[in-house]
């Protein structure tokens, strides 16, 4: 059983243990996961280099702790609820059993294209379930994913491809964003005129719009998975092997690739997710971020799925077709934990209380904000009108 903190006193108690006895504290949490081989040291550090290693000598695959670990107890429980951009389009629910098979199927599709352990894979995709499936499929076979926000320019995309020397790009034809249809594959095509490492591009057909498909390089997603087995042996990874590279925004200079490794990231994201959001089995959790950011990695994909949670992914924007879209989704799916950014809260606050009229919102138990400090006025609006003062 993972460690759950239910009270302020419990938090203070666990925090003190984490400071005074960090090795015992994190070892106790890590023991709740499946490891192919136990670690010899919990943490090894040298701040002069600097170097910090977690669970030294441990062997694992993070997807076994997301898929196999939950398959028999939570197999029929929703893993991902996908709410599309257009409210008229049908939402999609993927159970843990379905996720297991879809991740394995796409892992095999990438292996068929020659991708394996240590290869870099760029994911430049809209907020569809396939984006999460792609991330997990990379982790399944030991490939290192680098998700790039699908609103970045061709130049920004090319910089990241070249820096990590990606062999494969995963993308989509186009992306729906509010009332707009955004070209995605066309941006990839432009970026790849400046890149030499990419050998294959797998393209998800999201809108069905016309795109250029380069012979011997570009493959439709549905063709790539056709005939692939839906089981795939997970690659054994060292705790300190790279799980993913995520680039900084570049707002203060050249984007820097930040490496996250398998063991420490796995342990921390589940532990923080369960305790920050007070998640209980059967809840529906929604983080409104994009998987292109670290919040999306940790608190849309890895943290919730490691915990066996139901995580909601939303393709659209908060103000389309109207400023009540977030609250309609909360009521539709009976969301219990809601996690968004102060910028979004302030944007919705500007529309006043009218978009909240007639909304129930009684399912909400936890409201969170992320990405920047929240100003006092926005916090009170969020607490009073979305949280109903609870």
Protein backbone atom coordinates (compact mmCIF):
# COMPACT_ATOMS: atom_id res chain seq x y z
CA UNK A 1 0.00 0.00 0.00
CA UNK A 2 1.23 3.50 -0.78
CA UNK A 3 1.54 6.05 1.99
CA UNK A 4 -1.49 8.32 2.30
CA UNK A 5 -1.49 11.56 4.26
CA UNK A 6 -4.93 12.58 5.48
CA UNK A 7 -4.34 15.38 8.01
CA UNK A 8 -2.07 18.38 8.59
CA UNK A 9 -0.54 16.56 11.55
CA UNK A 10 0.11 13.58 9.28
CA UNK A 11 1.75 15.84 6.73
CA UNK A 12 4.03 17.42 9.34
CA UNK A 13 4.96 13.96 10.64
CA UNK A 14 5.84 12.63 7.16
CA UNK A 15 7.68 15.81 6.24
CA UNK A 16 9.87 15.57 9.32
CA UNK A 17 10.74 11.97 8.46
CA UNK A 18 11.60 12.96 4.89
CA UNK A 19 14.08 15.56 6.20
CA UNK A 20 15.57 13.65 9.13
CA UNK A 21 15.63 10.18 7.57
CA UNK A 22 15.35 10.66 3.79
CA UNK A 23 16.69 7.22 2.84
CA UNK A 24 14.28 5.36 5.11
CA UNK A 25 11.42 7.65 4.06
CA UNK A 26 11.82 7.15 0.29
CA UNK A 27 12.73 3.48 0.64
CA UNK A 28 9.45 2.82 2.42
CA UNK A 29 7.51 4.47 -0.42
CA UNK A 30 9.54 2.78 -3.18
CA UNK A 31 8.85 -0.65 -1.70
CA UNK A 32 5.19 -0.30 -2.74
CA UNK A 33 6.20 -0.50 -6.44
CA UNK A 34 7.16 -3.47 -8.60
CA UNK A 35 10.94 -3.74 -9.11
CA UNK A 36 12.61 -6.43 -11.18
CA UNK A 37 15.69 -6.00 -9.00
CA UNK A 38 15.92 -4.11 -5.69
CA UNK A 39 18.21 -1.12 -5.30
CA UNK A 40 21.49 -1.18 -3.37
CA UNK A 41 21.39 2.50 -2.34
CA UNK A 42 18.35 4.72 -2.00
CA UNK A 43 20.20 7.89 -2.93
CA UNK A 44 23.75 8.81 -3.83
CA UNK A 45 24.71 12.45 -4.25
CA UNK A 46 27.63 14.72 -4.87
CA UNK A 47 26.64 18.35 -5.05
CA UNK A 48 30.13 19.39 -6.16
CA UNK A 49 29.68 17.72 -9.57
CA UNK A 50 26.59 18.01 -9.20
CA UNK A 51 25.21 14.45 -9.31
CA UNK A 52 22.17 12.88 -7.64
CA UNK A 53 21.18 9.25 -8.26
CA UNK A 54 18.09 7.54 -6.89
CA UNK A 55 17.55 3.82 -6.21
CA UNK A 56 21.03 2.93 -7.41
CA UNK A 57 21.19 -0.56 -8.92
CA UNK A 58 17.41 -0.95 -9.08
CA UNK A 59 15.83 -2.43 -12.22
CA UNK A 60 12.27 -1.76 -13.40
CA UNK A 61 10.00 -0.66 -16.18
CA UNK A 62 7.65 2.16 -15.26
CA UNK A 63 4.89 0.84 -17.52
CA UNK A 64 4.72 -2.42 -15.53
CA UNK A 65 3.75 -0.22 -12.59
CA UNK A 66 1.04 1.43 -14.69
CA UNK A 67 -0.29 -1.50 -16.70
CA UNK A 68 0.46 -4.94 -15.24
CA UNK A 69 0.23 -3.69 -11.65
CA UNK A 70 -3.38 -2.55 -12.18
CA UNK A 71 -4.53 -4.96 -14.87
CA UNK A 72 -6.22 -7.58 -12.69
CA UNK A 73 -7.60 -5.33 -9.96
CA UNK A 74 -8.52 -2.25 -12.02
CA UNK A 75 -8.65 -3.63 -15.55
CA UNK A 76 -12.22 -2.53 -16.24
CA UNK A 77 -11.86 0.84 -14.52
CA UNK A 78 -11.44 3.94 -16.70
CA UNK A 79 -7.80 4.95 -17.02
CA UNK A 80 -8.29 7.85 -19.44
CA UNK A 81 -11.42 9.85 -20.19
CA UNK A 82 -10.92 11.95 -23.30
CA UNK A 83 -13.12 14.99 -23.83
CA UNK A 84 -12.77 16.27 -27.42
CA UNK A 85 -12.57 19.89 -28.51
CA UNK A 86 -16.12 19.92 -29.88
CA UNK A 87 -18.79 19.11 -27.25
CA UNK A 88 -20.87 17.57 -30.04
CA UNK A 89 -18.21 14.90 -30.58
CA UNK A 90 -18.46 11.80 -28.41
CA UNK A 91 -16.13 11.53 -25.43
CA UNK A 92 -13.96 8.42 -25.20
CA UNK A 93 -13.20 6.23 -22.20
CA UNK A 94 -10.19 3.87 -22.19
CA UNK A 95 -10.02 1.27 -19.45
CA UNK A 96 -6.77 0.02 -17.93
CA UNK A 97 -7.15 -3.23 -19.89
CA UNK A 98 -7.67 -1.34 -23.15
CA UNK A 99 -4.74 0.94 -22.33
CA UNK A 100 -2.51 -2.09 -21.75
CA UNK A 101 -3.29 -3.46 -25.20
CA UNK A 102 -3.08 -0.12 -27.02
CA UNK A 103 0.27 0.77 -25.46
CA UNK A 104 1.70 -2.63 -26.33
CA UNK A 105 0.34 -2.44 -29.86
CA UNK A 106 1.98 0.90 -30.50
CA UNK A 107 5.19 -0.21 -28.79
CA UNK A 108 5.36 -3.03 -31.33
CA UNK A 109 4.62 -0.58 -34.15
CA UNK A 110 7.64 1.50 -33.15
CA UNK A 111 9.82 -1.58 -32.83
CA UNK A 112 8.78 -2.51 -36.37
CA UNK A 113 10.22 0.83 -37.48
CA UNK A 114 13.53 0.00 -35.83
CA UNK A 115 13.05 1.99 -32.64
CA UNK A 116 14.46 0.54 -29.43
CA UNK A 117 16.09 1.23 -26.10
CA UNK A 118 17.93 4.55 -25.97
CA UNK A 119 16.46 5.96 -29.19
CA UNK A 120 14.95 9.44 -28.99
CA UNK A 121 11.35 9.95 -30.10
CA UNK A 122 9.77 13.38 -30.55
CA UNK A 123 6.03 13.59 -29.80
CA UNK A 124 4.41 16.63 -31.44
CA UNK A 125 0.72 15.84 -31.07
CA UNK A 126 -2.62 17.32 -30.03
CA UNK A 127 -4.22 16.43 -26.71
CA UNK A 128 -5.59 13.06 -27.76
CA UNK A 129 -5.29 9.71 -25.95
CA UNK A 130 -2.70 8.70 -28.55
CA UNK A 131 -0.29 11.27 -27.08
CA UNK A 132 -0.38 9.49 -23.71
CA UNK A 133 -0.26 6.09 -25.42
CA UNK A 134 2.83 7.20 -27.36
CA UNK A 135 4.59 8.31 -24.17
CA UNK A 136 3.89 5.01 -22.43
CA UNK A 137 4.80 2.97 -25.51
CA UNK A 138 8.20 4.69 -25.60
CA UNK A 139 8.73 3.88 -21.93
CA UNK A 140 7.65 0.30 -22.59
CA UNK A 141 10.51 -0.33 -25.03
CA UNK A 142 13.09 1.92 -23.39
CA UNK A 143 12.92 4.67 -26.02
CA UNK A 144 13.32 8.18 -24.64
CA UNK A 145 10.39 10.44 -25.47
CA UNK A 146 10.58 14.19 -25.80
CA UNK A 147 7.17 15.82 -26.01
CA UNK A 148 7.04 19.19 -27.76
CA UNK A 149 3.98 21.38 -27.27
CA UNK A 150 2.03 21.24 -30.55
CA UNK A 151 1.74 25.02 -30.69
CA UNK A 152 5.48 25.58 -31.06
CA UNK A 153 6.90 26.78 -34.36
CA UNK A 154 8.81 24.71 -36.91
CA UNK A 155 12.04 26.39 -35.79
CA UNK A 156 11.43 25.54 -32.13
CA UNK A 157 10.57 21.96 -33.09
CA UNK A 158 13.66 21.60 -35.28
CA UNK A 159 15.90 22.89 -32.48
CA UNK A 160 14.62 20.18 -30.15
CA UNK A 161 14.83 17.43 -32.76
CA UNK A 162 18.42 18.34 -33.57
CA UNK A 163 19.47 18.67 -29.95
CA UNK A 164 18.27 15.19 -28.95
CA UNK A 165 18.96 13.61 -32.38
CA UNK A 166 15.52 12.02 -32.62
CA UNK A 167 15.06 9.14 -35.04
CA UNK A 168 11.25 9.14 -35.01
CA UNK A 169 8.60 11.88 -34.89
CA UNK A 170 5.02 11.16 -33.83
CA UNK A 171 2.47 13.73 -34.95
CA UNK A 172 -1.04 14.27 -36.37
CA UNK A 173 -2.50 15.66 -39.56
CA UNK A 174 -4.13 18.66 -37.87
CA UNK A 175 -5.38 19.79 -34.48
CA UNK A 176 -8.72 21.21 -33.39
CA UNK A 177 -8.35 24.16 -31.01
CA UNK A 178 -11.58 25.98 -30.30
CA UNK A 179 -13.06 27.18 -33.59
CA UNK A 180 -9.71 26.79 -35.36
CA UNK A 181 -8.11 23.92 -37.26
CA UNK A 182 -4.36 24.08 -36.69
CA UNK A 183 -1.87 22.50 -39.12
CA UNK A 184 0.42 20.09 -37.29
CA UNK A 185 1.97 17.79 -39.90
CA UNK A 186 2.83 20.83 -42.04
CA UNK A 187 4.88 22.23 -39.15
CA UNK A 188 6.72 18.91 -38.85
CA UNK A 189 7.44 18.92 -42.59
CA UNK A 190 8.92 22.42 -42.36
CA UNK A 191 10.99 21.50 -39.28
CA UNK A 192 12.41 18.40 -40.92
CA UNK A 193 13.95 20.45 -43.74
CA UNK A 194 16.45 21.51 -41.06
CA UNK A 195 16.95 18.05 -39.49
CA UNK A 196 18.98 15.04 -40.58
CA UNK A 197 18.45 12.48 -37.80
CA UNK A 198 14.75 11.67 -38.35
CA UNK A 199 14.13 8.47 -40.29
CA UNK A 200 10.36 7.98 -39.85
CA UNK A 201 7.25 10.03 -39.09
CA UNK A 202 4.07 8.36 -37.82
CA UNK A 203 0.95 10.49 -38.38
CA UNK A 204 -2.33 10.23 -36.47
CA UNK A 205 -5.38 11.00 -38.60
CA UNK A 206 -7.25 13.42 -36.31
CA UNK A 207 -9.19 15.71 -38.68
CA UNK A 208 -8.86 13.91 -42.00
CA UNK A 209 -7.56 17.11 -43.59
CA UNK A 210 -5.16 16.94 -46.54
CA UNK A 211 -1.47 16.58 -45.66
CA UNK A 212 1.72 15.80 -47.50
CA UNK A 213 2.94 12.23 -46.87
CA UNK A 214 6.55 11.71 -47.91
CA UNK A 215 7.17 8.29 -49.40
CA UNK A 216 9.43 5.95 -47.39
CA UNK A 217 9.37 8.33 -44.41
CA UNK A 218 5.78 9.03 -43.40
CA UNK A 219 3.36 6.37 -42.15
CA UNK A 220 -0.23 6.72 -41.00
CA UNK A 221 -0.75 5.70 -37.36
CA UNK A 222 -3.51 3.25 -38.31
CA UNK A 223 -1.24 1.60 -40.87
CA UNK A 224 1.64 1.41 -38.39
CA UNK A 225 -0.42 -0.51 -35.82
CA UNK A 226 -2.24 -2.73 -38.33
CA UNK A 227 -1.48 -6.36 -37.59
CA UNK A 228 0.72 -5.58 -34.59
CA UNK A 229 0.40 -7.84 -31.51
CA UNK A 230 -1.16 -6.22 -28.46
CA UNK A 231 1.34 -7.69 -26.04
CA UNK A 232 4.94 -6.52 -25.77
CA UNK A 233 7.61 -7.49 -23.26
CA UNK A 234 8.65 -4.43 -21.25
CA UNK A 235 12.32 -3.47 -21.54
CA UNK A 236 14.27 -3.76 -18.31
CA UNK A 237 15.55 -0.31 -17.31
CA UNK A 238 18.02 0.84 -14.72
CA UNK A 239 16.53 3.24 -12.17
CA UNK A 240 18.90 5.91 -13.50
CA UNK A 241 18.19 5.28 -17.20
CA UNK A 242 16.54 8.18 -19.01
CA UNK A 243 12.75 8.11 -19.12
CA UNK A 244 12.25 11.35 -21.03
CA UNK A 245 13.80 14.65 -22.05
CA UNK A 246 11.66 17.76 -21.73
CA UNK A 247 12.95 21.09 -23.01
CA UNK A 248 12.65 24.40 -21.22
CA UNK A 249 10.60 27.05 -23.01
CA UNK A 250 13.62 28.98 -24.26
CA UNK A 251 12.30 32.28 -22.90
CA UNK A 252 15.66 33.01 -21.23
CA UNK A 253 17.99 31.58 -23.86
CA UNK A 254 18.45 28.41 -25.84
CA UNK A 255 16.03 25.65 -24.71
CA UNK A 256 17.72 23.21 -22.36
CA UNK A 257 16.87 19.52 -22.35
CA UNK A 258 15.99 18.42 -18.82
CA UNK A 259 16.43 14.70 -18.21
CA UNK A 260 14.13 12.70 -15.95
CA UNK A 261 15.12 9.16 -15.00
CA UNK A 262 12.95 6.12 -14.41
CA UNK A 263 13.11 5.23 -10.73
CA UNK A 264 13.03 8.48 -8.83
CA UNK A 265 10.47 10.05 -11.16
CA UNK A 266 8.15 7.05 -10.79
CA UNK A 267 8.23 7.06 -7.00
CA UNK A 268 7.85 10.81 -6.60
CA UNK A 269 5.05 11.38 -9.12
CA UNK A 270 2.72 8.74 -7.69
CA UNK A 271 3.40 9.77 -4.11
CA UNK A 272 2.91 13.47 -4.78
CA UNK A 273 -0.18 12.90 -6.94
CA UNK A 274 -2.00 10.79 -4.36
CA UNK A 275 -1.24 13.10 -1.47
CA UNK A 276 -1.45 16.55 -3.05
CA UNK A 277 -4.81 15.77 -4.65
CA UNK A 278 -6.11 13.39 -1.96
CA UNK A 279 -7.13 10.98 -4.69
CA UNK A 280 -9.36 8.04 -3.74
CA UNK A 281 -10.18 5.08 -5.97
CA UNK A 282 -13.27 5.83 -8.03
CA UNK A 283 -12.57 9.57 -8.22
CA UNK A 284 -12.23 11.39 -11.55
CA UNK A 285 -9.24 13.70 -11.72
CA UNK A 286 -8.72 16.48 -14.28
CA UNK A 287 -5.60 18.51 -14.94
CA UNK A 288 -6.26 21.02 -17.73
CA UNK A 289 -2.59 21.32 -18.78
CA UNK A 290 -1.05 20.06 -22.02
CA UNK A 291 1.18 16.99 -22.05
CA UNK A 292 3.81 19.21 -23.66
CA UNK A 293 4.65 20.61 -20.22
CA UNK A 294 6.05 18.92 -17.11
CA UNK A 295 2.72 19.33 -15.33
CA UNK A 296 1.09 17.31 -18.11
CA UNK A 297 3.75 14.61 -17.93
CA UNK A 298 3.52 14.24 -14.17
CA UNK A 299 -0.11 15.04 -13.42
CA UNK A 300 -2.03 14.00 -16.53
CA UNK A 301 -0.11 10.88 -17.50
CA UNK A 302 2.43 9.31 -15.15
CA UNK A 303 1.28 10.29 -11.65
CA UNK A 304 -2.44 9.46 -12.05
CA UNK A 305 -1.86 6.27 -14.04
CA UNK A 306 0.76 4.98 -11.60
CA UNK A 307 -1.84 5.47 -8.88
CA UNK A 308 -4.53 3.59 -10.82
CA UNK A 309 -6.53 6.79 -11.14
CA UNK A 310 -8.98 7.96 -13.77
CA UNK A 311 -7.40 10.94 -15.53
CA UNK A 312 -9.29 13.25 -17.86
CA UNK A 313 -7.66 14.70 -20.99
CA UNK A 314 -9.25 17.71 -22.70
CA UNK A 315 -8.43 18.61 -26.29
CA UNK A 316 -9.99 22.06 -26.39
CA UNK A 317 -9.85 25.49 -24.74
CA UNK A 318 -11.76 26.84 -21.73
CA UNK A 319 -13.72 29.50 -23.62
CA UNK A 320 -15.08 27.56 -26.60
CA UNK A 321 -17.85 27.20 -27.55
CA UNK A 322 -18.48 29.39 -24.51
CA UNK A 323 -16.86 30.32 -21.20
CA UNK A 324 -18.77 27.59 -19.37
CA UNK A 325 -16.97 24.73 -21.09
CA UNK A 326 -14.77 23.78 -18.12
CA UNK A 327 -17.76 23.67 -15.79
CA UNK A 328 -19.84 21.64 -18.25
CA UNK A 329 -17.05 19.05 -18.36
CA UNK A 330 -16.80 18.97 -14.56
CA UNK A 331 -20.51 18.22 -14.31
CA UNK A 332 -20.58 15.81 -17.26
CA UNK A 333 -17.83 13.58 -15.88
CA UNK A 334 -18.40 14.31 -12.16
CA UNK A 335 -14.84 15.53 -11.72
CA UNK A 336 -13.55 15.35 -8.14
CA UNK A 337 -10.11 16.97 -8.39
CA UNK A 338 -9.63 19.95 -10.71
CA UNK A 339 -6.16 21.36 -11.46
CA UNK A 340 -5.65 24.41 -13.67
CA UNK A 341 -3.52 27.55 -14.08
CA UNK A 342 -4.06 31.02 -12.59
CA UNK A 343 -4.00 32.42 -16.14
CA UNK A 344 -7.03 30.28 -17.03
CA UNK A 345 -8.79 31.27 -13.81
CA UNK A 346 -8.28 34.97 -14.50
CA UNK A 347 -9.48 34.56 -18.09
CA UNK A 348 -12.68 32.88 -16.90
CA UNK A 349 -13.11 35.37 -14.07
CA UNK A 350 -13.30 38.11 -16.71
CA UNK A 351 -16.55 36.59 -18.01
CA UNK A 352 -18.19 37.07 -14.62
CA UNK A 353 -20.47 34.60 -12.87
CA UNK A 354 -22.90 34.04 -15.76
CA UNK A 355 -21.01 31.02 -17.23
CA UNK A 356 -21.27 29.36 -13.80
CA UNK A 357 -25.04 29.77 -13.55
CA UNK A 358 -26.89 26.47 -13.57
CA UNK A 359 -23.70 24.48 -13.02
CA UNK A 360 -23.77 21.97 -10.18
CA UNK A 361 -20.03 21.47 -9.44
CA UNK A 362 -20.90 19.55 -6.26
CA UNK A 363 -18.61 16.67 -7.26
CA UNK A 364 -15.52 18.85 -6.74
CA UNK A 365 -13.46 17.99 -3.66
CA UNK A 366 -10.07 19.52 -4.45
CA UNK A 367 -9.20 22.66 -6.43
CA UNK A 368 -5.58 23.24 -7.40
CA UNK A 369 -3.58 25.81 -9.34
CA UNK A 370 -0.21 25.39 -11.01
CA UNK A 371 2.37 27.07 -13.20
CA UNK A 372 2.63 30.48 -11.53
CA UNK A 373 1.66 32.20 -8.26
CA UNK A 374 -2.05 32.90 -8.01
CA UNK A 375 -3.11 36.40 -7.06
CA UNK A 376 -5.48 36.90 -4.13
CA UNK A 377 -8.46 38.11 -6.17
CA UNK A 378 -8.32 35.11 -8.53
CA UNK A 379 -7.94 32.70 -5.61
CA UNK A 380 -11.04 34.07 -3.87
CA UNK A 381 -13.07 33.92 -7.10
CA UNK A 382 -11.97 30.31 -7.65
CA UNK A 383 -12.71 29.32 -4.05
CA UNK A 384 -15.99 31.21 -3.69
CA UNK A 385 -17.63 30.63 -7.06
CA UNK A 386 -16.15 27.38 -8.40
CA UNK A 387 -15.59 25.72 -5.03
CA UNK A 388 -18.78 27.29 -3.59
CA UNK A 389 -16.79 28.40 -0.54
CA UNK A 390 -16.13 24.85 0.63
